[in-house]
Amino acid sequence: MLGIIEKIQIKKSRPNKSYGFISAYDGESYWFSLRGLDDLKVGDEVSFSGGCNEKGFVARYVKKVAAED
């Protein structure tokens, strides 16, 4: 799946709990953990694997899409 990062929340006191949301091209909003993802920012286009849990839509394997020149 593809989408755009719409929000990032950095938790300075607990960095492992930092997260963000992706506005996917399927019209849904997906939550993702920022653990191990240092180079993402709001507005970046990303690819991910979408899923669902008891709290809602979840993105896994989030990767920034390389910009074409």
Protein backbone atom coordinates (compact mmCIF):
# COMPACT_ATOMS: atom_id res chain seq x y z
CA MET A 1 0.00 0.00 0.00
CA LEU A 2 0.97 3.64 -0.40
CA GLY A 3 0.15 6.76 1.56
CA ILE A 4 1.37 10.06 2.99
CA ILE A 5 2.51 10.61 6.58
CA GLU A 6 -0.03 12.98 8.13
CA LYS A 7 1.16 13.14 11.77
CA ILE A 8 4.19 12.19 13.84
CA GLN A 9 4.23 12.20 17.66
CA ILE A 10 7.69 12.02 19.26
CA LYS A 11 7.71 11.00 22.92
CA LYS A 12 10.98 12.39 24.32
CA SER A 13 10.63 10.67 27.69
CA ARG A 14 9.75 7.31 26.07
CA PRO A 15 11.14 7.26 22.49
CA ASN A 16 10.11 3.63 21.96
CA LYS A 17 6.49 4.78 22.27
CA SER A 18 6.72 7.38 19.46
CA TYR A 19 4.21 6.89 16.65
CA GLY A 20 2.63 8.39 13.57
CA PHE A 21 -0.35 8.17 11.22
CA ILE A 22 -0.42 7.50 7.49
CA SER A 23 -3.21 8.78 5.28
CA ALA A 24 -3.41 5.89 2.83
CA TYR A 25 -4.57 6.13 -0.76
CA ASP A 26 -7.38 3.69 0.13
CA GLY A 27 -8.98 6.47 2.22
CA GLU A 28 -8.12 5.04 5.65
CA SER A 29 -5.77 6.34 8.36
CA TYR A 30 -3.17 3.85 9.63
CA TRP A 31 -1.25 4.04 12.92
CA PHE A 32 2.46 3.04 12.94
CA SER A 33 5.30 2.85 15.45
CA LEU A 34 8.34 5.05 14.84
CA ARG A 35 10.66 2.49 16.47
CA GLY A 36 13.64 2.12 14.13
CA LEU A 37 12.36 4.75 11.67
CA ASP A 38 14.49 7.88 12.01
CA ASP A 39 14.28 9.44 8.55
CA LEU A 40 10.51 9.99 8.20
CA LYS A 41 8.68 13.32 8.37
CA VAL A 42 5.17 14.65 7.77
CA GLY A 43 4.41 14.80 4.05
CA ASP A 44 6.67 11.88 3.07
CA GLU A 45 5.19 9.28 0.73
CA VAL A 46 5.60 5.78 2.17
CA SER A 47 4.88 2.19 1.29
CA PHE A 48 3.63 -0.20 3.97
CA SER A 49 1.75 -3.37 4.72
CA GLY A 50 -1.70 -2.56 6.12
CA GLY A 51 -3.53 -4.57 8.73
CA CYS A 52 -6.12 -4.26 11.44
CA ASN A 53 -6.23 -4.98 15.16
CA GLU A 54 -8.76 -4.39 17.96
CA LYS A 55 -7.90 -0.65 18.01
CA GLY A 56 -8.09 0.00 14.26
CA PHE A 57 -5.90 0.10 11.17
CA VAL A 58 -2.16 -0.55 11.61
CA ALA A 59 0.77 -0.08 9.20
CA ARG A 60 3.77 -2.41 9.31
CA TYR A 61 7.01 -2.48 7.32
CA VAL A 62 6.84 1.28 6.67
CA LYS A 63 9.41 2.52 4.13
CA LYS A 64 9.92 5.91 2.53
CA VAL A 65 9.26 5.91 -1.22
CA ALA A 66 12.23 7.27 -3.16
CA ALA A 67 11.46 10.47 -5.03
CA GLU A 68 11.77 10.18 -8.80
CA ASP A 69 14.00 12.72 -10.55
